Every structure is written in structure tokens, then in C-alpha cells.
Amino acid sequence: MTIYVTRQGTKFNADSATELVEQLQHQESISSNSLQDFMNQMAKRCQTEDGVAIRTLDPEIFIADLIQNDYLSVIDVIDG
């Protein structure tokens, strides 16, 4: 399990990128019908608000780009 924190200080525990995207989808104020739709909308918001390109090919790439661009940070990895 990995523990992540957003810029705003919200913490998430997830075992996979898909699980983390699902948690972000429930937390963010973005109306979406699917994980892909959520990732596309969040990437568009990052581009519009900050000029940052976030790729949405799959959850792993999406999360990696969020981390690389300081939207998310890994604060702990717990081996279970």
C-alpha cells in the first residue's frame, strides 16, 4: 500500500494507480461517468489552470504525471 497526499493536504491510501484514481474521482468536484472521463477532465483542468500537460493513457501514467508535476506526493510505502 502506498500513502499519497495532495497539494491541499488530503491523504489517500491505495494499492494501485486505478484505486487511487477512483479515490480521487470521489474526492474531486469533477462530474464524470468513468475513470477515463475523470482523468480527461482533471487533465484539462490542470492544463487550463496551471499550463501543465497530464497524460491520460492509463491510470499509471496519469498518476505518474500528477506526482511529477507536484499535484500528488508519495509520503509512505507500506509493504504488506
N, C-alpha and C. Protein backbone atom coordinates (compact mmCIF):
# COMPACT_ATOMS: atom_id res chain seq x y z
N MET A 1 0.85 -1.18 0.00
CA MET A 1 0.00 0.00 0.00
C MET A 1 0.89 1.24 0.00
N THR A 2 0.44 2.23 -0.73
CA THR A 2 1.16 3.49 -0.80
C THR A 2 0.26 4.59 -0.26
N ILE A 3 0.86 5.51 0.48
CA ILE A 3 0.13 6.65 1.02
C ILE A 3 0.54 7.88 0.21
N TYR A 4 -0.46 8.57 -0.29
CA TYR A 4 -0.26 9.77 -1.10
C TYR A 4 -0.89 10.96 -0.40
N VAL A 5 -0.39 12.16 -0.72
CA VAL A 5 -1.01 13.39 -0.22
C VAL A 5 -1.09 14.37 -1.39
N THR A 6 -2.22 15.09 -1.45
CA THR A 6 -2.41 16.10 -2.49
C THR A 6 -1.77 17.42 -2.06
N ARG A 7 -1.72 18.35 -2.97
CA ARG A 7 -1.25 19.71 -2.65
C ARG A 7 -2.04 20.31 -1.51
N GLN A 8 -3.33 19.98 -1.46
CA GLN A 8 -4.22 20.54 -0.44
C GLN A 8 -4.11 19.81 0.89
N GLY A 9 -3.34 18.72 0.94
CA GLY A 9 -3.13 18.00 2.19
C GLY A 9 -4.04 16.81 2.40
N THR A 10 -4.84 16.45 1.41
CA THR A 10 -5.72 15.29 1.53
C THR A 10 -4.90 14.03 1.32
N LYS A 11 -5.04 13.06 2.24
CA LYS A 11 -4.29 11.80 2.15
C LYS A 11 -5.15 10.70 1.56
N PHE A 12 -4.48 9.84 0.78
CA PHE A 12 -5.12 8.67 0.18
C PHE A 12 -4.22 7.46 0.39
N ASN A 13 -4.83 6.31 0.67
CA ASN A 13 -4.12 5.04 0.74
C ASN A 13 -4.60 4.20 -0.43
N ALA A 14 -3.67 3.68 -1.24
CA ALA A 14 -4.08 2.90 -2.40
C ALA A 14 -3.06 1.80 -2.69
N ASP A 15 -3.58 0.68 -3.19
CA ASP A 15 -2.73 -0.44 -3.59
C ASP A 15 -2.39 -0.40 -5.07
N SER A 16 -3.06 0.45 -5.84
CA SER A 16 -2.80 0.53 -7.28
C SER A 16 -3.14 1.93 -7.78
N ALA A 17 -2.65 2.22 -8.97
CA ALA A 17 -2.98 3.51 -9.58
C ALA A 17 -4.47 3.63 -9.84
N THR A 18 -5.08 2.54 -10.27
CA THR A 18 -6.52 2.56 -10.54
C THR A 18 -7.30 2.87 -9.27
N GLU A 19 -6.92 2.25 -8.16
CA GLU A 19 -7.59 2.52 -6.89
C GLU A 19 -7.43 3.98 -6.48
N LEU A 20 -6.25 4.53 -6.70
CA LEU A 20 -6.01 5.93 -6.35
C LEU A 20 -6.85 6.86 -7.23
N VAL A 21 -6.94 6.58 -8.52
CA VAL A 21 -7.76 7.40 -9.42
C VAL A 21 -9.23 7.33 -8.98
N GLU A 22 -9.70 6.15 -8.59
CA GLU A 22 -11.08 6.02 -8.11
C GLU A 22 -11.31 6.89 -6.88
N GLN A 23 -10.34 6.90 -5.96
CA GLN A 23 -10.47 7.72 -4.75
C GLN A 23 -10.44 9.21 -5.10
N LEU A 24 -9.57 9.60 -6.01
CA LEU A 24 -9.52 10.99 -6.45
C LEU A 24 -10.84 11.39 -7.11
N GLN A 25 -11.39 10.48 -7.89
CA GLN A 25 -12.66 10.75 -8.57
C GLN A 25 -13.76 11.06 -7.57
N HIS A 26 -13.79 10.34 -6.46
CA HIS A 26 -14.81 10.58 -5.44
C HIS A 26 -14.55 11.87 -4.67
N GLN A 27 -13.29 12.27 -4.57
CA GLN A 27 -12.91 13.44 -3.78
C GLN A 27 -13.08 14.75 -4.55
N GLU A 28 -12.69 14.75 -5.81
CA GLU A 28 -12.68 15.97 -6.60
C GLU A 28 -14.09 16.39 -7.00
N SER A 29 -14.25 17.67 -7.25
CA SER A 29 -15.55 18.20 -7.67
C SER A 29 -15.65 18.21 -9.19
N ILE A 30 -15.38 17.05 -9.78
CA ILE A 30 -15.46 16.88 -11.23
C ILE A 30 -16.50 15.81 -11.50
N SER A 31 -17.55 16.18 -12.21
CA SER A 31 -18.60 15.23 -12.56
C SER A 31 -18.10 14.36 -13.71
N SER A 32 -18.11 13.03 -13.51
CA SER A 32 -17.61 12.14 -14.55
C SER A 32 -18.35 10.81 -14.50
N ASN A 33 -18.41 10.16 -15.66
CA ASN A 33 -19.12 8.89 -15.78
C ASN A 33 -18.20 7.68 -15.73
N SER A 34 -16.90 7.90 -15.91
CA SER A 34 -15.94 6.80 -15.92
C SER A 34 -14.60 7.31 -15.43
N LEU A 35 -13.69 6.38 -15.14
CA LEU A 35 -12.35 6.80 -14.74
C LEU A 35 -11.66 7.56 -15.87
N GLN A 36 -11.84 7.09 -17.10
CA GLN A 36 -11.21 7.77 -18.23
C GLN A 36 -11.74 9.19 -18.37
N ASP A 37 -13.04 9.34 -18.23
CA ASP A 37 -13.66 10.67 -18.30
C ASP A 37 -13.11 11.57 -17.20
N PHE A 38 -12.99 11.04 -15.99
CA PHE A 38 -12.44 11.81 -14.87
C PHE A 38 -11.00 12.24 -15.17
N MET A 39 -10.17 11.29 -15.63
CA MET A 39 -8.78 11.62 -15.91
C MET A 39 -8.69 12.70 -17.00
N ASN A 40 -9.51 12.58 -18.04
CA ASN A 40 -9.51 13.58 -19.11
C ASN A 40 -9.91 14.96 -18.58
N GLN A 41 -10.94 15.00 -17.75
CA GLN A 41 -11.40 16.29 -17.22
C GLN A 41 -10.38 16.90 -16.26
N MET A 42 -9.77 16.07 -15.42
CA MET A 42 -8.78 16.59 -14.49
C MET A 42 -7.55 17.08 -15.25
N ALA A 43 -7.14 16.35 -16.28
CA ALA A 43 -6.00 16.78 -17.10
C ALA A 43 -6.30 18.11 -17.77
N LYS A 44 -7.52 18.27 -18.25
CA LYS A 44 -7.92 19.53 -18.88
C LYS A 44 -7.86 20.67 -17.87
N ARG A 45 -8.31 20.40 -16.64
CA ARG A 45 -8.26 21.42 -15.59
C ARG A 45 -6.82 21.80 -15.26
N CYS A 46 -5.93 20.81 -15.18
CA CYS A 46 -4.51 21.09 -14.91
C CYS A 46 -3.92 21.95 -16.02
N GLN A 47 -4.29 21.65 -17.26
CA GLN A 47 -3.80 22.42 -18.41
C GLN A 47 -4.33 23.86 -18.36
N THR A 48 -5.61 24.00 -18.08
CA THR A 48 -6.25 25.32 -18.06
C THR A 48 -5.74 26.17 -16.90
N GLU A 49 -5.68 25.59 -15.71
CA GLU A 49 -5.32 26.36 -14.51
C GLU A 49 -3.83 26.59 -14.36
N ASP A 50 -3.01 25.59 -14.74
CA ASP A 50 -1.58 25.67 -14.46
C ASP A 50 -0.69 25.54 -15.69
N GLY A 51 -1.29 25.27 -16.85
CA GLY A 51 -0.49 25.08 -18.05
C GLY A 51 0.31 23.79 -18.06
N VAL A 52 -0.15 22.81 -17.29
CA VAL A 52 0.56 21.54 -17.13
C VAL A 52 -0.15 20.46 -17.94
N ALA A 53 0.62 19.71 -18.73
CA ALA A 53 0.07 18.60 -19.51
C ALA A 53 0.14 17.31 -18.70
N ILE A 54 -1.01 16.72 -18.45
CA ILE A 54 -1.11 15.44 -17.74
C ILE A 54 -1.62 14.41 -18.74
N ARG A 55 -0.87 13.34 -18.93
CA ARG A 55 -1.28 12.29 -19.87
C ARG A 55 -2.35 11.40 -19.23
N THR A 56 -3.26 10.91 -20.06
CA THR A 56 -4.39 10.12 -19.56
C THR A 56 -4.50 8.76 -20.25
N LEU A 57 -3.39 8.23 -20.71
CA LEU A 57 -3.41 6.95 -21.43
C LEU A 57 -3.89 5.80 -20.56
N ASP A 58 -3.48 5.82 -19.30
CA ASP A 58 -3.94 4.82 -18.33
C ASP A 58 -3.70 5.38 -16.93
N PRO A 59 -4.27 4.75 -15.90
CA PRO A 59 -4.12 5.28 -14.55
C PRO A 59 -2.67 5.41 -14.08
N GLU A 60 -1.80 4.47 -14.46
CA GLU A 60 -0.41 4.53 -14.02
C GLU A 60 0.29 5.77 -14.56
N ILE A 61 0.11 6.05 -15.84
CA ILE A 61 0.73 7.23 -16.46
C ILE A 61 0.13 8.51 -15.88
N PHE A 62 -1.18 8.52 -15.69
CA PHE A 62 -1.88 9.67 -15.13
C PHE A 62 -1.33 10.00 -13.74
N ILE A 63 -1.24 9.01 -12.87
CA ILE A 63 -0.73 9.23 -11.51
C ILE A 63 0.74 9.64 -11.55
N ALA A 64 1.54 9.01 -12.41
CA ALA A 64 2.95 9.38 -12.52
C ALA A 64 3.10 10.86 -12.90
N ASP A 65 2.26 11.33 -13.82
CA ASP A 65 2.32 12.74 -14.22
C ASP A 65 1.85 13.66 -13.10
N LEU A 66 0.83 13.25 -12.35
CA LEU A 66 0.39 14.06 -11.20
C LEU A 66 1.51 14.19 -10.18
N ILE A 67 2.23 13.09 -9.94
CA ILE A 67 3.35 13.12 -8.99
C ILE A 67 4.48 14.00 -9.54
N GLN A 68 4.83 13.80 -10.81
CA GLN A 68 5.91 14.56 -11.42
C GLN A 68 5.64 16.06 -11.40
N ASN A 69 4.38 16.44 -11.49
CA ASN A 69 4.01 17.86 -11.52
C ASN A 69 3.54 18.39 -10.18
N ASP A 70 3.82 17.66 -9.11
CA ASP A 70 3.58 18.09 -7.72
C ASP A 70 2.11 18.27 -7.36
N TYR A 71 1.21 17.59 -8.06
CA TYR A 71 -0.20 17.56 -7.64
C TYR A 71 -0.38 16.52 -6.54
N LEU A 72 0.47 15.49 -6.56
CA LEU A 72 0.45 14.42 -5.57
C LEU A 72 1.88 14.17 -5.12
N SER A 73 2.02 13.70 -3.87
CA SER A 73 3.31 13.26 -3.36
C SER A 73 3.13 11.90 -2.71
N VAL A 74 4.14 11.06 -2.84
CA VAL A 74 4.16 9.78 -2.12
C VAL A 74 4.78 10.06 -0.77
N ILE A 75 4.04 9.74 0.30
CA ILE A 75 4.60 10.00 1.63
C ILE A 75 5.03 8.74 2.35
N ASP A 76 4.56 7.56 1.89
CA ASP A 76 4.98 6.31 2.52
C ASP A 76 4.57 5.14 1.66
N VAL A 77 5.39 4.10 1.68
CA VAL A 77 5.07 2.84 1.02
C VAL A 77 5.13 1.78 2.10
N ILE A 78 4.01 1.07 2.26
CA ILE A 78 3.91 0.05 3.30
C ILE A 78 3.84 -1.31 2.62
N ASP A 79 4.84 -2.14 2.87
CA ASP A 79 4.82 -3.50 2.32
C ASP A 79 3.92 -4.35 3.18
N GLY A 80 3.06 -5.10 2.53
CA GLY A 80 2.12 -5.89 3.31
C GLY A 80 2.15 -7.28 2.90
